[in-house]
Amino acid sequence: MAAIVTISSNGSIRIEGEFTILDAEGKPFDLAGRTIISLCRCGHSENKPFCDGSHKRVGFESLCPARELPPPKPKV
């Protein structure tokens, strides 16, 4: 199944399906077979980049309704 990414209102980014998460050096996180994870958006998780629910404690607010993006700029 292709990955599905859901931006939760006032919460995390949920990823489900087939995916790999790499660190800044290109090394993969060991997700222990998980096919659903949530990534932190609030910056307060003690388990970054993964969500630990801290957004609820700190009152994080962010709404991201779907919209159409403009076409990408041509590469020079």
N, C-alpha and C. Protein backbone atom coordinates (compact mmCIF):
# COMPACT_ATOMS: atom_id res chain seq x y z
N MET A 1 0.85 -1.18 0.00
CA MET A 1 0.00 0.00 0.00
C MET A 1 0.90 1.24 0.00
N ALA A 2 0.59 2.18 -0.85
CA ALA A 2 1.32 3.44 -0.88
C ALA A 2 1.09 4.17 0.44
N ALA A 3 2.08 4.96 0.83
CA ALA A 3 1.96 5.70 2.09
C ALA A 3 0.88 6.77 2.00
N ILE A 4 0.16 6.94 3.09
CA ILE A 4 -0.82 8.01 3.24
C ILE A 4 -0.33 8.89 4.38
N VAL A 5 -0.26 10.19 4.12
CA VAL A 5 0.19 11.16 5.12
C VAL A 5 -0.99 12.05 5.48
N THR A 6 -1.31 12.13 6.77
CA THR A 6 -2.42 12.93 7.25
C THR A 6 -1.89 13.97 8.23
N ILE A 7 -2.19 15.26 7.95
CA ILE A 7 -1.82 16.34 8.83
C ILE A 7 -2.99 16.56 9.78
N SER A 8 -2.80 16.24 11.04
CA SER A 8 -3.88 16.37 12.01
C SER A 8 -3.99 17.81 12.49
N SER A 9 -5.21 18.32 12.58
CA SER A 9 -5.41 19.66 13.13
C SER A 9 -4.91 19.68 14.57
N ASN A 10 -4.08 20.66 14.89
CA ASN A 10 -3.54 20.84 16.24
C ASN A 10 -2.78 19.62 16.75
N GLY A 11 -2.25 18.82 15.84
CA GLY A 11 -1.56 17.60 16.27
C GLY A 11 -0.45 17.19 15.34
N SER A 12 -0.24 15.90 15.26
CA SER A 12 0.91 15.31 14.59
C SER A 12 0.68 15.10 13.09
N ILE A 13 1.72 14.58 12.45
CA ILE A 13 1.65 14.11 11.07
C ILE A 13 1.62 12.59 11.15
N ARG A 14 0.55 11.98 10.68
CA ARG A 14 0.40 10.52 10.73
C ARG A 14 0.78 9.95 9.37
N ILE A 15 1.62 8.91 9.39
CA ILE A 15 2.02 8.23 8.17
C ILE A 15 1.61 6.77 8.31
N GLU A 16 0.94 6.26 7.29
CA GLU A 16 0.56 4.85 7.32
C GLU A 16 0.80 4.23 5.95
N GLY A 17 1.15 2.95 5.95
CA GLY A 17 1.43 2.24 4.70
C GLY A 17 2.87 1.79 4.65
N GLU A 18 3.42 1.73 3.45
CA GLU A 18 4.81 1.34 3.23
C GLU A 18 5.66 2.60 3.17
N PHE A 19 6.60 2.75 4.10
CA PHE A 19 7.46 3.93 4.12
C PHE A 19 8.74 3.64 4.89
N THR A 20 9.73 4.48 4.68
CA THR A 20 10.99 4.45 5.41
C THR A 20 11.25 5.85 5.90
N ILE A 21 11.74 5.98 7.13
CA ILE A 21 12.11 7.29 7.68
C ILE A 21 13.61 7.28 7.88
N LEU A 22 14.29 8.29 7.29
CA LEU A 22 15.74 8.39 7.37
C LEU A 22 16.14 9.57 8.24
N ASP A 23 17.28 9.43 8.93
CA ASP A 23 17.81 10.57 9.68
C ASP A 23 18.58 11.47 8.73
N ALA A 24 19.18 12.54 9.25
CA ALA A 24 19.88 13.51 8.42
C ALA A 24 21.08 12.92 7.69
N GLU A 25 21.61 11.80 8.18
CA GLU A 25 22.74 11.14 7.53
C GLU A 25 22.30 10.04 6.57
N GLY A 26 20.99 9.88 6.39
CA GLY A 26 20.48 8.87 5.48
C GLY A 26 20.32 7.49 6.09
N LYS A 27 20.50 7.37 7.40
CA LYS A 27 20.33 6.08 8.07
C LYS A 27 18.86 5.89 8.45
N PRO A 28 18.32 4.69 8.20
CA PRO A 28 16.90 4.47 8.52
C PRO A 28 16.66 4.24 10.01
N PHE A 29 15.52 4.75 10.47
CA PHE A 29 15.04 4.44 11.82
C PHE A 29 14.52 3.01 11.81
N ASP A 30 14.74 2.26 12.87
CA ASP A 30 14.16 0.93 13.01
C ASP A 30 12.77 1.10 13.61
N LEU A 31 11.77 0.93 12.78
CA LEU A 31 10.38 1.14 13.19
C LEU A 31 9.74 -0.12 13.75
N ALA A 32 10.52 -1.17 13.91
CA ALA A 32 10.06 -2.42 14.54
C ALA A 32 8.79 -2.96 13.89
N GLY A 33 8.72 -2.85 12.56
CA GLY A 33 7.59 -3.40 11.83
C GLY A 33 6.34 -2.53 11.79
N ARG A 34 6.40 -1.34 12.38
CA ARG A 34 5.22 -0.46 12.38
C ARG A 34 4.87 -0.03 10.96
N THR A 35 3.59 0.02 10.67
CA THR A 35 3.10 0.55 9.40
C THR A 35 2.30 1.83 9.61
N ILE A 36 2.21 2.27 10.86
CA ILE A 36 1.57 3.54 11.21
C ILE A 36 2.43 4.21 12.28
N ILE A 37 2.81 5.46 12.04
CA ILE A 37 3.53 6.24 13.04
C ILE A 37 3.04 7.68 12.97
N SER A 38 3.35 8.45 13.99
CA SER A 38 3.02 9.88 14.01
C SER A 38 4.29 10.67 14.27
N LEU A 39 4.49 11.72 13.49
CA LEU A 39 5.64 12.60 13.64
C LEU A 39 5.23 13.88 14.35
N CYS A 40 6.12 14.39 15.20
CA CYS A 40 5.86 15.60 15.96
C CYS A 40 5.85 16.83 15.05
N ARG A 41 4.88 17.73 15.28
CA ARG A 41 4.85 19.03 14.60
C ARG A 41 5.05 20.16 15.59
N CYS A 42 4.80 19.91 16.88
CA CYS A 42 4.83 21.00 17.86
C CYS A 42 6.23 21.33 18.36
N GLY A 43 7.16 20.38 18.22
CA GLY A 43 8.52 20.59 18.68
C GLY A 43 8.76 20.26 20.14
N HIS A 44 7.77 19.78 20.86
CA HIS A 44 7.90 19.52 22.29
C HIS A 44 8.03 18.04 22.64
N SER A 45 7.96 17.13 21.68
CA SER A 45 8.05 15.71 21.97
C SER A 45 9.40 15.36 22.59
N GLU A 46 9.38 14.47 23.56
CA GLU A 46 10.62 13.95 24.15
C GLU A 46 11.15 12.78 23.32
N ASN A 47 10.44 12.41 22.26
CA ASN A 47 10.79 11.25 21.43
C ASN A 47 10.91 11.66 19.96
N LYS A 48 11.42 12.88 19.71
CA LYS A 48 11.53 13.39 18.33
C LYS A 48 12.28 12.41 17.45
N PRO A 49 11.91 12.23 16.23
CA PRO A 49 10.91 13.00 15.49
C PRO A 49 9.49 12.49 15.70
N PHE A 50 9.32 11.51 16.59
CA PHE A 50 8.01 10.89 16.78
C PHE A 50 7.18 11.65 17.80
N CYS A 51 5.88 11.63 17.62
CA CYS A 51 4.94 12.31 18.49
C CYS A 51 4.77 11.52 19.79
N ASP A 52 4.74 12.23 20.91
CA ASP A 52 4.44 11.59 22.19
C ASP A 52 3.21 12.20 22.86
N GLY A 53 2.46 13.01 22.09
CA GLY A 53 1.24 13.62 22.63
C GLY A 53 1.47 14.96 23.31
N SER A 54 2.70 15.46 23.30
CA SER A 54 3.01 16.74 23.97
C SER A 54 2.21 17.90 23.43
N HIS A 55 1.76 17.82 22.17
CA HIS A 55 0.99 18.93 21.58
C HIS A 55 -0.27 19.23 22.40
N LYS A 56 -0.84 18.22 23.01
CA LYS A 56 -2.03 18.43 23.85
C LYS A 56 -1.66 19.21 25.12
N ARG A 57 -0.54 18.85 25.73
CA ARG A 57 -0.09 19.48 26.97
C ARG A 57 0.27 20.95 26.77
N VAL A 58 0.89 21.28 25.62
CA VAL A 58 1.36 22.65 25.40
C VAL A 58 0.35 23.51 24.65
N GLY A 59 -0.79 22.94 24.26
CA GLY A 59 -1.82 23.71 23.56
C GLY A 59 -1.44 24.08 22.14
N PHE A 60 -0.69 23.22 21.46
CA PHE A 60 -0.28 23.47 20.08
C PHE A 60 -1.51 23.66 19.19
N GLU A 61 -1.48 24.69 18.37
CA GLU A 61 -2.57 24.95 17.43
C GLU A 61 -2.02 25.17 16.04
N SER A 62 -2.53 24.43 15.09
CA SER A 62 -2.15 24.60 13.69
C SER A 62 -3.16 23.87 12.83
N LEU A 63 -3.86 24.61 11.99
CA LEU A 63 -4.80 24.04 11.05
C LEU A 63 -4.16 24.08 9.67
N CYS A 64 -4.22 22.99 8.95
CA CYS A 64 -3.61 22.91 7.62
C CYS A 64 -4.61 22.30 6.65
N PRO A 65 -5.60 23.08 6.20
CA PRO A 65 -6.54 22.52 5.24
C PRO A 65 -5.86 22.25 3.90
N ALA A 66 -6.36 21.25 3.19
CA ALA A 66 -5.81 20.90 1.88
C ALA A 66 -6.01 22.07 0.93
N ARG A 67 -5.03 22.25 0.06
CA ARG A 67 -5.10 23.32 -0.94
C ARG A 67 -4.25 22.93 -2.14
N GLU A 68 -4.42 23.65 -3.21
CA GLU A 68 -3.63 23.40 -4.42
C GLU A 68 -2.36 24.24 -4.36
N LEU A 69 -1.23 23.60 -4.58
CA LEU A 69 0.03 24.31 -4.62
C LEU A 69 0.30 24.82 -6.03
N PRO A 70 1.02 25.93 -6.16
CA PRO A 70 1.38 26.39 -7.49
C PRO A 70 2.39 25.42 -8.10
N PRO A 71 2.52 25.45 -9.43
CA PRO A 71 3.52 24.56 -10.06
C PRO A 71 4.92 24.91 -9.55
N PRO A 72 5.81 23.92 -9.52
CA PRO A 72 7.17 24.22 -9.07
C PRO A 72 7.88 25.14 -10.05
N LYS A 73 8.79 25.95 -9.52
CA LYS A 73 9.55 26.86 -10.37
C LYS A 73 10.55 26.02 -11.17
N PRO A 74 10.80 26.42 -12.42
CA PRO A 74 11.78 25.66 -13.23
C PRO A 74 13.18 25.75 -12.60
N LYS A 75 13.94 24.66 -12.72
CA LYS A 75 15.30 24.65 -12.22
C LYS A 75 16.19 25.37 -13.22
N VAL A 76 17.08 26.18 -12.69
CA VAL A 76 17.96 26.97 -13.56
C VAL A 76 19.19 26.20 -13.91
